[in-house]
Amino acid sequence: KVKNEKYWSKLVIGAICMMAVATVPTRVNAETL
């Protein structure tokens, strides 16, 4: 049960991050270090 909760939490976070990544342009603008 604990592992399931941990999985779904990370999955949500990962999804959000992936969405964030998806919104990041493949080309890094000049302002990005």
PDB file of all heavy atoms in Angstrom:
ATOM      1  N   LYS A   1       0.836  -1.208   0.000  1.00  0.00           N
ATOM      2  CA  LYS A   1       0.000   0.000   0.000  1.00  0.00           C
ATOM      3  C   LYS A   1       0.869   1.255   0.000  1.00  0.00           C
ATOM      4  O   LYS A   1       0.637   2.218  -0.736  1.00  0.00           O
ATOM      5  CB  LYS A   1      -0.924  -0.007   1.214  1.00  0.00           C
ATOM      6  CG  LYS A   1      -1.847   1.193   1.263  1.00  0.00           C
ATOM      7  CD  LYS A   1      -2.800   1.114   2.451  1.00  0.00           C
ATOM      8  CE  LYS A   1      -3.737   2.308   2.483  1.00  0.00           C
ATOM      9  NZ  LYS A   1      -4.645   2.260   3.645  1.00  0.00           N
ATOM     10  N   VAL A   2       1.922   1.248   0.827  1.00  0.00           N
ATOM     11  CA  VAL A   2       2.794   2.418   0.924  1.00  0.00           C
ATOM     12  C   VAL A   2       3.477   2.662  -0.406  1.00  0.00           C
ATOM     13  O   VAL A   2       3.586   3.780  -0.893  1.00  0.00           O
ATOM     14  CB  VAL A   2       3.834   2.236   2.041  1.00  0.00           C
ATOM     15  CG1 VAL A   2       4.860   3.374   2.028  1.00  0.00           C
ATOM     16  CG2 VAL A   2       3.124   2.187   3.373  1.00  0.00           C
ATOM     17  N   LYS A   3       3.983   1.583  -1.015  1.00  0.00           N
ATOM     18  CA  LYS A   3       4.676   1.726  -2.289  1.00  0.00           C
ATOM     19  C   LYS A   3       3.759   2.249  -3.376  1.00  0.00           C
ATOM     20  O   LYS A   3       4.158   2.997  -4.255  1.00  0.00           O
ATOM     21  CB  LYS A   3       5.291   0.396  -2.721  1.00  0.00           C
ATOM     22  CG  LYS A   3       6.489   0.024  -1.866  1.00  0.00           C
ATOM     23  CD  LYS A   3       7.226  -1.182  -2.445  1.00  0.00           C
ATOM     24  CE  LYS A   3       8.492  -1.466  -1.659  1.00  0.00           C
ATOM     25  NZ  LYS A   3       9.253  -2.578  -2.237  1.00  0.00           N
ATOM     26  N   ASN A   4       2.541   1.848  -3.350  1.00  0.00           N
ATOM     27  CA  ASN A   4       1.584   2.339  -4.350  1.00  0.00           C
ATOM     28  C   ASN A   4       1.407   3.860  -4.232  1.00  0.00           C
ATOM     29  O   ASN A   4       1.360   4.602  -5.207  1.00  0.00           O
ATOM     30  CB  ASN A   4       0.246   1.645  -4.204  1.00  0.00           C
ATOM     31  CG  ASN A   4       0.340   0.215  -4.734  1.00  0.00           C
ATOM     32  OD1 ASN A   4       1.293  -0.101  -5.446  1.00  0.00           O
ATOM     33  ND2 ASN A   4      -0.649  -0.617  -4.407  1.00  0.00           N
ATOM     34  N   GLU A   5       1.276   4.311  -2.967  1.00  0.00           N
ATOM     35  CA  GLU A   5       1.072   5.746  -2.754  1.00  0.00           C
ATOM     36  C   GLU A   5       2.316   6.518  -3.223  1.00  0.00           C
ATOM     37  O   GLU A   5       2.236   7.562  -3.838  1.00  0.00           O
ATOM     38  CB  GLU A   5       0.794   6.018  -1.278  1.00  0.00           C
ATOM     39  CG  GLU A   5      -0.561   5.470  -0.832  1.00  0.00           C
ATOM     40  CD  GLU A   5      -0.772   5.688   0.650  1.00  0.00           C
ATOM     41  OE1 GLU A   5       0.186   6.084   1.346  1.00  0.00           O
ATOM     42  OE2 GLU A   5      -1.916   5.456   1.120  1.00  0.00           O
ATOM     43  N   LYS A   6       3.489   5.927  -2.881  1.00  0.00           N
ATOM     44  CA  LYS A   6       4.744   6.574  -3.295  1.00  0.00           C
ATOM     45  C   LYS A   6       4.850   6.638  -4.808  1.00  0.00           C
ATOM     46  O   LYS A   6       5.252   7.631  -5.400  1.00  0.00           O
ATOM     47  CB  LYS A   6       5.920   5.798  -2.720  1.00  0.00           C
ATOM     48  CG  LYS A   6       7.265   6.429  -3.035  1.00  0.00           C
ATOM     49  CD  LYS A   6       8.370   5.598  -2.394  1.00  0.00           C
ATOM     50  CE  LYS A   6       9.736   6.219  -2.754  1.00  0.00           C
ATOM     51  NZ  LYS A   6      10.835   5.428  -2.179  1.00  0.00           N
ATOM     52  N   TYR A   7       4.444   5.590  -5.461  1.00  0.00           N
ATOM     53  CA  TYR A   7       4.509   5.527  -6.918  1.00  0.00           C
ATOM     54  C   TYR A   7       3.646   6.586  -7.564  1.00  0.00           C
ATOM     55  O   TYR A   7       4.071   7.340  -8.442  1.00  0.00           O
ATOM     56  CB  TYR A   7       4.094   4.133  -7.393  1.00  0.00           C
ATOM     57  CG  TYR A   7       3.737   4.061  -8.849  1.00  0.00           C
ATOM     58  CD1 TYR A   7       4.718   4.120  -9.839  1.00  0.00           C
ATOM     59  CD2 TYR A   7       2.401   3.984  -9.230  1.00  0.00           C
ATOM     60  CE1 TYR A   7       4.392   4.068 -11.160  1.00  0.00           C
ATOM     61  CE2 TYR A   7       2.088   3.922 -10.559  1.00  0.00           C
ATOM     62  CZ  TYR A   7       3.072   3.971 -11.537  1.00  0.00           C
ATOM     63  OH  TYR A   7       2.744   3.914 -12.852  1.00  0.00           O
ATOM     64  N   TRP A   8       2.384   6.615  -7.072  1.00  0.00           N
ATOM     65  CA  TRP A   8       1.465   7.585  -7.699  1.00  0.00           C
ATOM     66  C   TRP A   8       1.902   9.045  -7.450  1.00  0.00           C
ATOM     67  O   TRP A   8       1.757   9.925  -8.290  1.00  0.00           O
ATOM     68  CB  TRP A   8       0.052   7.375  -7.175  1.00  0.00           C
ATOM     69  CG  TRP A   8      -0.572   6.112  -7.710  1.00  0.00           C
ATOM     70  CD1 TRP A   8      -0.878   5.014  -7.034  1.00  0.00           C
ATOM     71  CD2 TRP A   8      -0.922   5.891  -9.061  1.00  0.00           C
ATOM     72  NE1 TRP A   8      -1.400   4.074  -7.859  1.00  0.00           N
ATOM     73  CE2 TRP A   8      -1.447   4.586  -9.126  1.00  0.00           C
ATOM     74  CE3 TRP A   8      -0.856   6.672 -10.231  1.00  0.00           C
ATOM     75  CZ2 TRP A   8      -1.880   4.017 -10.298  1.00  0.00           C
ATOM     76  CZ3 TRP A   8      -1.304   6.099 -11.397  1.00  0.00           C
ATOM     77  CH2 TRP A   8      -1.801   4.784 -11.438  1.00  0.00           C
ATOM     78  N   SER A   9       2.493   9.263  -6.298  1.00  0.00           N
ATOM     79  CA  SER A   9       2.966  10.631  -6.023  1.00  0.00           C
ATOM     80  C   SER A   9       4.066  11.017  -6.995  1.00  0.00           C
ATOM     81  O   SER A   9       4.067  12.106  -7.585  1.00  0.00           O
ATOM     82  CB  SER A   9       3.503  10.746  -4.590  1.00  0.00           C
ATOM     83  OG  SER A   9       2.476  10.480  -3.681  1.00  0.00           O
ATOM     84  N   LYS A  10       5.043  10.134  -7.119  1.00  0.00           N
ATOM     85  CA  LYS A  10       6.142  10.426  -8.027  1.00  0.00           C
ATOM     86  C   LYS A  10       5.656  10.491  -9.467  1.00  0.00           C
ATOM     87  O   LYS A  10       6.165  11.242 -10.283  1.00  0.00           O
ATOM     88  CB  LYS A  10       7.240   9.362  -7.901  1.00  0.00           C
ATOM     89  CG  LYS A  10       7.995   9.475  -6.599  1.00  0.00           C
ATOM     90  CD  LYS A  10       9.193   8.524  -6.575  1.00  0.00           C
ATOM     91  CE  LYS A  10      10.003   8.707  -5.314  1.00  0.00           C
ATOM     92  NZ  LYS A  10      11.201   7.858  -5.303  1.00  0.00           N
ATOM     93  N   LEU A  11       4.663   9.677  -9.773  1.00  0.00           N
ATOM     94  CA  LEU A  11       4.151   9.688 -11.143  1.00  0.00           C
ATOM     95  C   LEU A  11       3.516  11.023 -11.486  1.00  0.00           C
ATOM     96  O   LEU A  11       3.686  11.593 -12.559  1.00  0.00           O
ATOM     97  CB  LEU A  11       3.155   8.546 -11.331  1.00  0.00           C
ATOM     98  CG  LEU A  11       2.668   8.326 -12.760  1.00  0.00           C
ATOM     99  CD1 LEU A  11       3.869   7.947 -13.665  1.00  0.00           C
ATOM    100  CD2 LEU A  11       1.603   7.240 -12.793  1.00  0.00           C
ATOM    101  N   VAL A  12       2.772  11.566 -10.506  1.00  0.00           N
ATOM    102  CA  VAL A  12       2.130  12.862 -10.720  1.00  0.00           C
ATOM    103  C   VAL A  12       3.193  13.933 -10.885  1.00  0.00           C
ATOM    104  O   VAL A  12       3.142  14.798 -11.776  1.00  0.00           O
ATOM    105  CB  VAL A  12       1.176  13.199  -9.558  1.00  0.00           C
ATOM    106  CG1 VAL A  12       0.705  14.666  -9.650  1.00  0.00           C
ATOM    107  CG2 VAL A  12       0.013  12.234  -9.573  1.00  0.00           C
ATOM    108  N   ILE A  13       4.183  13.859  -9.964  1.00  0.00           N
ATOM    109  CA  ILE A  13       5.245  14.874 -10.027  1.00  0.00           C
ATOM    110  C   ILE A  13       5.981  14.760 -11.347  1.00  0.00           C
ATOM    111  O   ILE A  13       6.285  15.742 -12.033  1.00  0.00           O
ATOM    112  CB  ILE A  13       6.217  14.704  -8.857  1.00  0.00           C
ATOM    113  CG1 ILE A  13       5.504  14.991  -7.548  1.00  0.00           C
ATOM    114  CG2 ILE A  13       7.448  15.630  -9.033  1.00  0.00           C
ATOM    115  CD1 ILE A  13       6.334  14.679  -6.314  1.00  0.00           C
ATOM    116  N   GLY A  14       6.219  13.510 -11.724  1.00  0.00           N
ATOM    117  CA  GLY A  14       6.942  13.289 -12.982  1.00  0.00           C
ATOM    118  C   GLY A  14       6.159  13.808 -14.164  1.00  0.00           C
ATOM    119  O   GLY A  14       6.709  14.389 -15.108  1.00  0.00           O
ATOM    120  N   ALA A  15       4.860  13.580 -14.099  1.00  0.00           N
ATOM    121  CA  ALA A  15       4.024  14.044 -15.210  1.00  0.00           C
ATOM    122  C   ALA A  15       4.058  15.563 -15.327  1.00  0.00           C
ATOM    123  O   ALA A  15       4.123  16.135 -16.408  1.00  0.00           O
ATOM    124  CB  ALA A  15       2.597  13.553 -15.006  1.00  0.00           C
ATOM    125  N   ILE A  16       3.994  16.194 -14.123  1.00  0.00           N
ATOM    126  CA  ILE A  16       4.025  17.659 -14.128  1.00  0.00           C
ATOM    127  C   ILE A  16       5.341  18.138 -14.709  1.00  0.00           C
ATOM    128  O   ILE A  16       5.407  19.056 -15.534  1.00  0.00           O
ATOM    129  CB  ILE A  16       3.812  18.212 -12.706  1.00  0.00           C
ATOM    130  CG1 ILE A  16       2.405  17.838 -12.220  1.00  0.00           C
ATOM    131  CG2 ILE A  16       4.062  19.728 -12.641  1.00  0.00           C
ATOM    132  CD1 ILE A  16       2.163  18.174 -10.758  1.00  0.00           C
ATOM    133  N   CYS A  17       6.406  17.419 -14.232  1.00  0.00           N
ATOM    134  CA  CYS A  17       7.726  17.831 -14.726  1.00  0.00           C
ATOM    135  C   CYS A  17       7.826  17.600 -16.219  1.00  0.00           C
ATOM    136  O   CYS A  17       8.436  18.403 -16.947  1.00  0.00           O
ATOM    137  CB  CYS A  17       8.842  17.075 -13.999  1.00  0.00           C
ATOM    138  SG  CYS A  17       8.993  17.491 -12.243  1.00  0.00           S
ATOM    139  N   MET A  18       7.303  16.511 -16.676  1.00  0.00           N
ATOM    140  CA  MET A  18       7.355  16.217 -18.102  1.00  0.00           C
ATOM    141  C   MET A  18       6.601  17.274 -18.888  1.00  0.00           C
ATOM    142  O   MET A  18       6.988  17.681 -19.977  1.00  0.00           O
ATOM    143  CB  MET A  18       6.761  14.830 -18.381  1.00  0.00           C
ATOM    144  CG  MET A  18       7.601  13.682 -17.863  1.00  0.00           C
ATOM    145  SD  MET A  18       9.173  13.511 -18.757  1.00  0.00           S
ATOM    146  CE  MET A  18       8.579  12.911 -20.319  1.00  0.00           C
ATOM    147  N   MET A  19       5.454  17.663 -18.297  1.00  0.00           N
ATOM    148  CA  MET A  19       4.708  18.730 -18.963  1.00  0.00           C
ATOM    149  C   MET A  19       5.544  20.003 -18.994  1.00  0.00           C
ATOM    150  O   MET A  19       5.558  20.741 -19.990  1.00  0.00           O
ATOM    151  CB  MET A  19       3.374  18.990 -18.229  1.00  0.00           C
ATOM    152  CG  MET A  19       2.378  17.822 -18.373  1.00  0.00           C
ATOM    153  SD  MET A  19       0.906  18.101 -17.400  1.00  0.00           S
ATOM    154  CE  MET A  19       0.287  19.575 -18.203  1.00  0.00           C
ATOM    155  N   ALA A  20       6.218  20.180 -17.877  1.00  0.00           N
ATOM    156  CA  ALA A  20       7.073  21.395 -17.845  1.00  0.00           C
ATOM    157  C   ALA A  20       8.171  21.299 -18.867  1.00  0.00           C
ATOM    158  O   ALA A  20       8.514  22.254 -19.555  1.00  0.00           O
ATOM    159  CB  ALA A  20       7.665  21.586 -16.443  1.00  0.00           C
ATOM    160  N   VAL A  21       8.723  20.104 -18.928  1.00  0.00           N
ATOM    161  CA  VAL A  21       9.782  19.900 -19.901  1.00  0.00           C
ATOM    162  C   VAL A  21       9.242  20.092 -21.314  1.00  0.00           C
ATOM    163  O   VAL A  21       9.874  20.666 -22.195  1.00  0.00           O
ATOM    164  CB  VAL A  21      10.431  18.516 -19.735  1.00  0.00           C
ATOM    165  CG1 VAL A  21      11.390  18.251 -20.895  1.00  0.00           C
ATOM    166  CG2 VAL A  21      11.157  18.429 -18.421  1.00  0.00           C
ATOM    167  N   ALA A  22       8.022  19.559 -21.507  1.00  0.00           N
ATOM    168  CA  ALA A  22       7.427  19.666 -22.845  1.00  0.00           C
ATOM    169  C   ALA A  22       7.228  21.146 -23.243  1.00  0.00           C
ATOM    170  O   ALA A  22       7.229  21.502 -24.419  1.00  0.00           O
ATOM    171  CB  ALA A  22       6.104  18.921 -22.873  1.00  0.00           C
ATOM    172  N   THR A  23       6.994  21.965 -22.222  1.00  0.00           N
ATOM    173  CA  THR A  23       6.784  23.375 -22.552  1.00  0.00           C
ATOM    174  C   THR A  23       8.084  24.159 -22.735  1.00  0.00           C
ATOM    175  O   THR A  23       8.091  25.278 -23.208  1.00  0.00           O
ATOM    176  CB  THR A  23       5.953  24.048 -21.447  1.00  0.00           C
ATOM    177  OG1 THR A  23       6.664  23.902 -20.207  1.00  0.00           O
ATOM    178  CG2 THR A  23       4.591  23.415 -21.355  1.00  0.00           C
ATOM    179  N   VAL A  24       9.170  23.494 -22.310  1.00  0.00           N
ATOM    180  CA  VAL A  24      10.462  24.191 -22.478  1.00  0.00           C
ATOM    181  C   VAL A  24      10.889  24.059 -23.924  1.00  0.00           C
ATOM    182  O   VAL A  24      10.877  22.947 -24.471  1.00  0.00           O
ATOM    183  CB  VAL A  24      11.543  23.560 -21.550  1.00  0.00           C
ATOM    184  CG1 VAL A  24      12.908  24.229 -21.808  1.00  0.00           C
ATOM    185  CG2 VAL A  24      11.153  23.746 -20.099  1.00  0.00           C
ATOM    186  N   PRO A  25      11.239  25.062 -24.560  1.00  0.00           N
ATOM    187  CA  PRO A  25      11.647  25.006 -25.975  1.00  0.00           C
ATOM    188  C   PRO A  25      12.861  24.134 -26.100  1.00  0.00           C
ATOM    189  O   PRO A  25      13.707  24.077 -25.209  1.00  0.00           O
ATOM    190  CB  PRO A  25      11.942  26.465 -26.329  1.00  0.00           C
ATOM    191  CG  PRO A  25      11.292  27.290 -25.279  1.00  0.00           C
ATOM    192  CD  PRO A  25      11.230  26.483 -24.058  1.00  0.00           C
ATOM    193  N   THR A  26      12.903  23.467 -27.221  1.00  0.00           N
ATOM    194  CA  THR A  26      14.061  22.625 -27.469  1.00  0.00           C
ATOM    195  C   THR A  26      15.306  23.431 -27.704  1.00  0.00           C
ATOM    196  O   THR A  26      16.425  22.940 -27.532  1.00  0.00           O
ATOM    197  CB  THR A  26      13.804  21.727 -28.684  1.00  0.00           C
ATOM    198  OG1 THR A  26      13.480  22.546 -29.795  1.00  0.00           O
ATOM    199  CG2 THR A  26      12.672  20.764 -28.400  1.00  0.00           C
ATOM    200  N   ARG A  27      15.031  24.652 -28.108  1.00  0.00           N
ATOM    201  CA  ARG A  27      16.170  25.538 -28.277  1.00  0.00           C
ATOM    202  C   ARG A  27      16.253  26.413 -27.045  1.00  0.00           C
ATOM    203  O   ARG A  27      15.290  27.034 -26.643  1.00  0.00           O
ATOM    204  CB  ARG A  27      15.983  26.411 -29.494  1.00  0.00           C
ATOM    205  CG  ARG A  27      16.058  25.658 -30.816  1.00  0.00           C
ATOM    206  CD  ARG A  27      15.890  26.599 -31.959  1.00  0.00           C
ATOM    207  NE  ARG A  27      16.925  27.616 -31.957  1.00  0.00           N
ATOM    208  CZ  ARG A  27      16.920  28.671 -32.743  1.00  0.00           C
ATOM    209  NH1 ARG A  27      15.933  28.906 -33.577  1.00  0.00           N
ATOM    210  NH2 ARG A  27      17.918  29.589 -32.687  1.00  0.00           N
ATOM    211  N   VAL A  28      17.346  26.467 -26.381  1.00  0.00           N
ATOM    212  CA  VAL A  28      17.529  27.293 -25.182  1.00  0.00           C
ATOM    213  C   VAL A  28      17.839  28.721 -25.634  1.00  0.00           C
ATOM    214  O   VAL A  28      18.719  28.933 -26.486  1.00  0.00           O
ATOM    215  CB  VAL A  28      18.707  26.770 -24.327  1.00  0.00           C
ATOM    216  CG1 VAL A  28      18.904  27.641 -23.087  1.00  0.00           C
ATOM    217  CG2 VAL A  28      18.437  25.323 -23.971  1.00  0.00           C
ATOM    218  N   ASN A  29      17.033  29.615 -25.083  1.00  0.00           N
ATOM    219  CA  ASN A  29      17.285  30.975 -25.490  1.00  0.00           C
ATOM    220  C   ASN A  29      18.602  31.483 -24.897  1.00  0.00           C
ATOM    221  O   ASN A  29      19.196  30.846 -24.024  1.00  0.00           O
ATOM    222  CB  ASN A  29      16.095  31.879 -25.122  1.00  0.00           C
ATOM    223  CG  ASN A  29      15.813  31.816 -23.590  1.00  0.00           C
ATOM    224  OD1 ASN A  29      16.748  31.652 -22.833  1.00  0.00           O
ATOM    225  ND2 ASN A  29      14.584  32.053 -23.200  1.00  0.00           N
ATOM    226  N   ALA A  30      18.925  32.564 -25.338  1.00  0.00           N
ATOM    227  CA  ALA A  30      20.242  33.077 -24.952  1.00  0.00           C
ATOM    228  C   ALA A  30      20.308  33.397 -23.491  1.00  0.00           C
ATOM    229  O   ALA A  30      21.389  33.501 -22.929  1.00  0.00           O
ATOM    230  CB  ALA A  30      20.560  34.329 -25.814  1.00  0.00           C
ATOM    231  N   GLU A  31      19.113  33.603 -22.866  1.00  0.00           N
ATOM    232  CA  GLU A  31      19.125  34.027 -21.483  1.00  0.00           C
ATOM    233  C   GLU A  31      19.363  32.832 -20.548  1.00  0.00           C
ATOM    234  O   GLU A  31      19.655  32.998 -19.390  1.00  0.00           O
ATOM    235  CB  GLU A  31      17.790  34.681 -21.138  1.00  0.00           C
ATOM    236  CG  GLU A  31      17.571  35.963 -21.898  1.00  0.00           C
ATOM    237  CD  GLU A  31      16.252  36.598 -21.555  1.00  0.00           C
ATOM    238  OE1 GLU A  31      15.493  35.982 -20.788  1.00  0.00           O
ATOM    239  OE2 GLU A  31      15.986  37.673 -22.044  1.00  0.00           O
ATOM    240  N   THR A  32      19.184  31.611 -21.056  1.00  0.00           N
ATOM    241  CA  THR A  32      19.360  30.435 -20.206  1.00  0.00           C
ATOM    242  C   THR A  32      20.816  30.128 -20.100  1.00  0.00           C
ATOM    243  O   THR A  32      21.510  29.978 -21.109  1.00  0.00           O
ATOM    244  CB  THR A  32      18.646  29.220 -20.803  1.00  0.00           C
ATOM    245  OG1 THR A  32      17.290  29.548 -20.977  1.00  0.00           O
ATOM    246  CG2 THR A  32      18.781  28.012 -19.912  1.00  0.00           C
ATOM    247  N   LEU A  33      21.244  30.000 -18.830  1.00  0.00           N
ATOM    248  CA  LEU A  33      22.649  29.724 -18.605  1.00  0.00           C
ATOM    249  C   LEU A  33      22.945  28.278 -18.900  1.00  0.00           C
ATOM    250  O   LEU A  33      22.144  27.384 -18.627  1.00  0.00           O
ATOM    251  CB  LEU A  33      23.034  30.057 -17.151  1.00  0.00           C
ATOM    252  CG  LEU A  33      22.894  31.522 -16.746  1.00  0.00           C
ATOM    253  CD1 LEU A  33      23.237  31.711 -15.265  1.00  0.00           C
ATOM    254  CD2 LEU A  33      23.826  32.408 -17.602  1.00  0.00           C
TER     255      LEU A  33
END
